[in-house]
Every structure is written in structure tokens, then in C-alpha cells.
N, C-alpha and C. Protein backbone atom coordinates (compact mmCIF):
# COMPACT_ATOMS: atom_id res chain seq x y z
N GLY A 1 116.41 -117.10 -60.83
CA GLY A 1 115.44 -116.30 -61.48
C GLY A 1 114.03 -116.80 -61.18
N GLY A 2 113.08 -116.04 -61.59
CA GLY A 2 111.69 -116.41 -61.35
C GLY A 2 110.87 -116.26 -62.61
N LEU A 3 109.87 -117.10 -62.73
CA LEU A 3 108.95 -117.03 -63.85
C LEU A 3 107.56 -116.89 -63.28
N ILE A 4 106.87 -115.84 -63.66
CA ILE A 4 105.53 -115.58 -63.15
C ILE A 4 104.56 -115.55 -64.33
N PHE A 5 103.51 -116.33 -64.24
CA PHE A 5 102.40 -116.23 -65.18
C PHE A 5 101.22 -115.73 -64.39
N ASP A 6 100.65 -114.63 -64.84
CA ASP A 6 99.57 -113.98 -64.12
C ASP A 6 98.35 -113.90 -65.01
N LYS A 7 97.21 -114.33 -64.51
CA LYS A 7 95.97 -114.24 -65.27
C LYS A 7 94.88 -113.68 -64.38
N GLU A 8 94.15 -112.72 -64.92
CA GLU A 8 93.04 -112.11 -64.21
C GLU A 8 91.76 -112.85 -64.57
N PHE A 9 91.04 -113.31 -63.54
CA PHE A 9 89.80 -114.04 -63.76
C PHE A 9 88.56 -113.20 -63.46
N ALA A 10 88.74 -112.09 -62.78
CA ALA A 10 87.62 -111.22 -62.42
C ALA A 10 87.92 -109.80 -62.90
N PRO A 11 87.04 -109.23 -63.71
CA PRO A 11 87.29 -107.86 -64.18
C PRO A 11 87.19 -106.86 -63.03
N GLY A 12 87.98 -105.80 -63.16
CA GLY A 12 87.92 -104.73 -62.17
C GLY A 12 88.85 -104.92 -60.98
N VAL A 13 89.56 -106.04 -60.93
CA VAL A 13 90.50 -106.27 -59.83
C VAL A 13 91.81 -105.58 -60.19
N PRO A 14 92.35 -104.76 -59.29
CA PRO A 14 93.59 -104.07 -59.62
C PRO A 14 94.75 -105.06 -59.80
N ASN A 15 95.54 -104.83 -60.85
CA ASN A 15 96.69 -105.70 -61.12
C ASN A 15 97.90 -105.23 -60.35
N LEU A 16 98.73 -106.18 -59.96
CA LEU A 16 100.01 -105.86 -59.33
C LEU A 16 101.07 -105.75 -60.41
N SER A 17 102.07 -104.92 -60.18
CA SER A 17 103.16 -104.83 -61.14
C SER A 17 103.96 -106.13 -61.12
N THR A 18 104.71 -106.36 -62.18
CA THR A 18 105.53 -107.58 -62.27
C THR A 18 106.54 -107.62 -61.14
N ASN A 19 107.13 -106.48 -60.82
CA ASN A 19 108.11 -106.41 -59.74
C ASN A 19 107.48 -106.75 -58.39
N THR A 20 106.29 -106.22 -58.12
CA THR A 20 105.59 -106.53 -56.87
C THR A 20 105.22 -108.00 -56.81
N THR A 21 104.76 -108.57 -57.92
CA THR A 21 104.42 -109.99 -57.96
C THR A 21 105.64 -110.86 -57.66
N LEU A 22 106.79 -110.52 -58.24
CA LEU A 22 108.02 -111.28 -57.98
C LEU A 22 108.43 -111.18 -56.51
N LYS A 23 108.29 -109.98 -55.93
CA LYS A 23 108.63 -109.81 -54.51
C LYS A 23 107.73 -110.67 -53.63
N LEU A 24 106.42 -110.62 -53.89
CA LEU A 24 105.48 -111.42 -53.08
C LEU A 24 105.73 -112.91 -53.24
N ALA A 25 106.00 -113.35 -54.47
CA ALA A 25 106.28 -114.77 -54.70
C ALA A 25 107.56 -115.19 -53.99
N SER A 26 108.55 -114.33 -53.98
CA SER A 26 109.81 -114.62 -53.29
C SER A 26 109.61 -114.76 -51.79
N ILE A 27 108.83 -113.85 -51.22
CA ILE A 27 108.54 -113.90 -49.78
C ILE A 27 107.76 -115.17 -49.45
N PHE A 28 106.76 -115.49 -50.29
CA PHE A 28 105.96 -116.69 -50.04
C PHE A 28 106.82 -117.94 -50.16
N HIS A 29 107.72 -117.98 -51.14
CA HIS A 29 108.60 -119.15 -51.31
C HIS A 29 109.44 -119.38 -50.05
N ALA A 30 109.99 -118.31 -49.49
CA ALA A 30 110.80 -118.43 -48.28
C ALA A 30 109.96 -118.92 -47.10
N GLN A 31 108.76 -118.37 -46.94
CA GLN A 31 107.89 -118.80 -45.84
C GLN A 31 107.46 -120.26 -46.02
N HIS A 32 107.20 -120.66 -47.25
CA HIS A 32 106.81 -122.03 -47.55
C HIS A 32 107.94 -122.99 -47.18
N ALA A 33 109.18 -122.63 -47.54
CA ALA A 33 110.33 -123.48 -47.22
C ALA A 33 110.55 -123.59 -45.71
N ILE A 34 110.37 -122.50 -44.99
CA ILE A 34 110.52 -122.53 -43.53
C ILE A 34 109.43 -123.41 -42.91
N ALA A 35 108.19 -123.28 -43.40
CA ALA A 35 107.08 -124.09 -42.89
C ALA A 35 107.33 -125.57 -43.13
N GLN A 36 107.93 -125.94 -44.26
CA GLN A 36 108.26 -127.34 -44.52
C GLN A 36 109.25 -127.86 -43.50
N GLN A 37 110.25 -127.05 -43.16
CA GLN A 37 111.27 -127.47 -42.21
C GLN A 37 110.74 -127.56 -40.79
N LEU A 38 109.78 -126.70 -40.43
CA LEU A 38 109.24 -126.68 -39.08
C LEU A 38 108.07 -127.64 -38.88
N SER A 39 107.60 -128.24 -39.95
CA SER A 39 106.45 -129.13 -39.87
C SER A 39 106.72 -130.32 -38.95
N PRO A 40 105.79 -130.63 -38.04
CA PRO A 40 105.98 -131.78 -37.16
C PRO A 40 105.77 -133.11 -37.90
N ILE A 41 105.23 -133.04 -39.10
CA ILE A 41 104.99 -134.23 -39.91
C ILE A 41 106.17 -134.42 -40.86
N SER A 42 106.75 -135.60 -40.89
CA SER A 42 107.86 -135.88 -41.78
C SER A 42 107.40 -135.70 -43.22
N GLY A 43 108.13 -134.91 -43.99
CA GLY A 43 107.75 -134.65 -45.37
C GLY A 43 106.59 -133.70 -45.50
N GLY A 44 106.38 -132.84 -44.50
CA GLY A 44 105.27 -131.88 -44.53
C GLY A 44 105.35 -131.01 -45.76
N GLY A 45 104.19 -130.61 -46.27
CA GLY A 45 104.13 -129.91 -47.54
C GLY A 45 104.23 -128.41 -47.46
N GLY A 46 104.44 -127.82 -46.30
CA GLY A 46 104.53 -126.37 -46.22
C GLY A 46 103.15 -125.73 -46.16
N ILE A 47 103.09 -124.48 -46.56
CA ILE A 47 101.85 -123.71 -46.49
C ILE A 47 100.93 -124.09 -47.64
N GLU A 48 99.69 -124.42 -47.32
CA GLU A 48 98.70 -124.74 -48.35
C GLU A 48 97.67 -123.63 -48.48
N CYS A 49 97.39 -122.90 -47.40
CA CYS A 49 96.39 -121.85 -47.45
C CYS A 49 96.69 -120.79 -46.40
N ILE A 50 96.53 -119.53 -46.79
CA ILE A 50 96.60 -118.40 -45.87
C ILE A 50 95.26 -117.68 -45.98
N GLU A 51 94.56 -117.54 -44.87
CA GLU A 51 93.26 -116.88 -44.88
C GLU A 51 93.31 -115.60 -44.05
N ALA A 52 92.82 -114.52 -44.63
CA ALA A 52 92.71 -113.23 -43.95
C ALA A 52 91.30 -112.69 -44.22
N ASP A 53 90.96 -111.57 -43.62
CA ASP A 53 89.65 -110.98 -43.84
C ASP A 53 89.44 -110.57 -45.30
N GLN A 54 90.46 -110.01 -45.91
CA GLN A 54 90.33 -109.45 -47.25
C GLN A 54 90.70 -110.40 -48.39
N PHE A 55 91.43 -111.48 -48.10
CA PHE A 55 91.86 -112.38 -49.17
C PHE A 55 92.13 -113.78 -48.63
N LYS A 56 92.22 -114.73 -49.56
CA LYS A 56 92.68 -116.09 -49.26
C LYS A 56 93.72 -116.43 -50.31
N LEU A 57 94.81 -117.06 -49.88
CA LEU A 57 95.86 -117.49 -50.79
C LEU A 57 95.98 -119.00 -50.67
N PHE A 58 95.80 -119.68 -51.80
CA PHE A 58 95.91 -121.12 -51.84
C PHE A 58 97.17 -121.48 -52.62
N SER A 59 97.88 -122.51 -52.17
CA SER A 59 99.13 -122.91 -52.81
C SER A 59 99.14 -124.41 -53.04
N TYR A 60 99.67 -124.80 -54.18
CA TYR A 60 99.86 -126.22 -54.49
C TYR A 60 101.25 -126.38 -55.10
N GLU A 61 102.04 -127.29 -54.54
CA GLU A 61 103.37 -127.55 -55.08
C GLU A 61 103.37 -128.90 -55.76
N THR A 62 103.79 -128.93 -57.03
CA THR A 62 103.84 -130.17 -57.79
C THR A 62 105.04 -131.01 -57.35
N PRO A 63 105.08 -132.27 -57.74
CA PRO A 63 106.25 -133.11 -57.40
C PRO A 63 107.56 -132.58 -57.98
N THR A 64 107.48 -131.73 -59.00
CA THR A 64 108.69 -131.14 -59.58
C THR A 64 108.99 -129.76 -58.99
N ALA A 65 108.36 -129.41 -57.87
CA ALA A 65 108.60 -128.19 -57.09
C ALA A 65 108.11 -126.91 -57.77
N ILE A 66 107.18 -127.02 -58.69
CA ILE A 66 106.54 -125.83 -59.26
C ILE A 66 105.37 -125.47 -58.35
N LYS A 67 105.27 -124.19 -57.98
CA LYS A 67 104.18 -123.75 -57.10
C LYS A 67 103.11 -123.02 -57.91
N PHE A 68 101.87 -123.41 -57.69
CA PHE A 68 100.73 -122.71 -58.25
C PHE A 68 100.03 -122.00 -57.10
N MET A 69 99.72 -120.73 -57.29
CA MET A 69 99.05 -119.97 -56.24
C MET A 69 97.78 -119.34 -56.81
N LEU A 70 96.76 -119.34 -55.99
CA LEU A 70 95.49 -118.72 -56.34
C LEU A 70 95.14 -117.75 -55.22
N ILE A 71 94.89 -116.49 -55.58
CA ILE A 71 94.52 -115.48 -54.59
C ILE A 71 93.08 -115.08 -54.88
N THR A 72 92.22 -115.17 -53.86
CA THR A 72 90.81 -114.83 -54.00
C THR A 72 90.42 -113.79 -52.96
N ASP A 73 89.22 -113.26 -53.08
CA ASP A 73 88.73 -112.36 -52.04
C ASP A 73 88.37 -113.19 -50.80
N GLY A 74 88.12 -112.53 -49.70
CA GLY A 74 87.88 -113.22 -48.44
C GLY A 74 86.59 -114.01 -48.38
N GLN A 75 85.63 -113.72 -49.26
CA GLN A 75 84.34 -114.41 -49.22
C GLN A 75 84.29 -115.65 -50.10
N THR A 76 85.28 -115.87 -50.94
CA THR A 76 85.27 -117.03 -51.84
C THR A 76 85.41 -118.32 -51.04
N SER A 77 84.58 -119.29 -51.37
CA SER A 77 84.67 -120.58 -50.69
C SER A 77 84.96 -121.67 -51.71
N ASN A 78 85.49 -122.77 -51.23
CA ASN A 78 85.77 -123.97 -52.03
C ASN A 78 86.75 -123.70 -53.18
N ALA A 79 87.66 -122.78 -53.01
CA ALA A 79 88.65 -122.53 -54.06
C ALA A 79 89.87 -123.44 -53.94
N ASP A 80 90.05 -124.08 -52.77
CA ASP A 80 91.25 -124.92 -52.59
C ASP A 80 91.28 -126.10 -53.56
N GLY A 81 90.15 -126.64 -53.95
CA GLY A 81 90.13 -127.73 -54.92
C GLY A 81 90.52 -127.30 -56.31
N ARG A 82 90.44 -126.03 -56.61
CA ARG A 82 90.80 -125.52 -57.93
C ARG A 82 92.31 -125.52 -58.15
N VAL A 83 93.07 -125.36 -57.09
CA VAL A 83 94.52 -125.23 -57.22
C VAL A 83 95.18 -126.57 -57.48
N ASP A 84 94.72 -127.63 -56.86
CA ASP A 84 95.43 -128.91 -56.97
C ASP A 84 94.92 -129.81 -58.09
N ARG A 85 94.30 -129.25 -59.08
CA ARG A 85 93.86 -130.03 -60.24
C ARG A 85 94.94 -130.19 -61.26
């Protein structure tokens, strides 16, 4: 099963449905696991950031394997430090 906590920090941003959020989190989890296995560094941490023109996705995995993700618009800078606090 999956547990999703979603919080909106900017008004006017369209919300995703719970089902869509679970699907995206599931896809990201699989890609993160594959990236960990393909990493040339022993114990590589998987995907930490995905940058596109329209958005940036930052990920932080705790030692207990809980993933925190932050999705921002493409112009946001210095958001990666917010995720790993």
C-alpha cells in the first residue's frame, strides 16, 4: 500500500487527484530503485532531482526508506536544501 501526504504551498496551483498522485509516486519509486541498482557508486542513493522546463522534482530518502518529494515550477532555485532537512 501507499501513504501520500499532500500539501499545497502556493495558491492557484492545480491539485492532482489522489489516484494520480499514487500512480506518479509508484512510477517514481520504481525509477528510483532502478537508478540505485544502476549507480556506478556503491550504495548510490538513486534519483535526487529531475529537472525539466516546466517543473523540478526533488527527492530525499530517509535511512528508514521513507521518500519525501518536492515538486516546484521550473524557475524555482535552491529548493533542494528544503527536502533534506
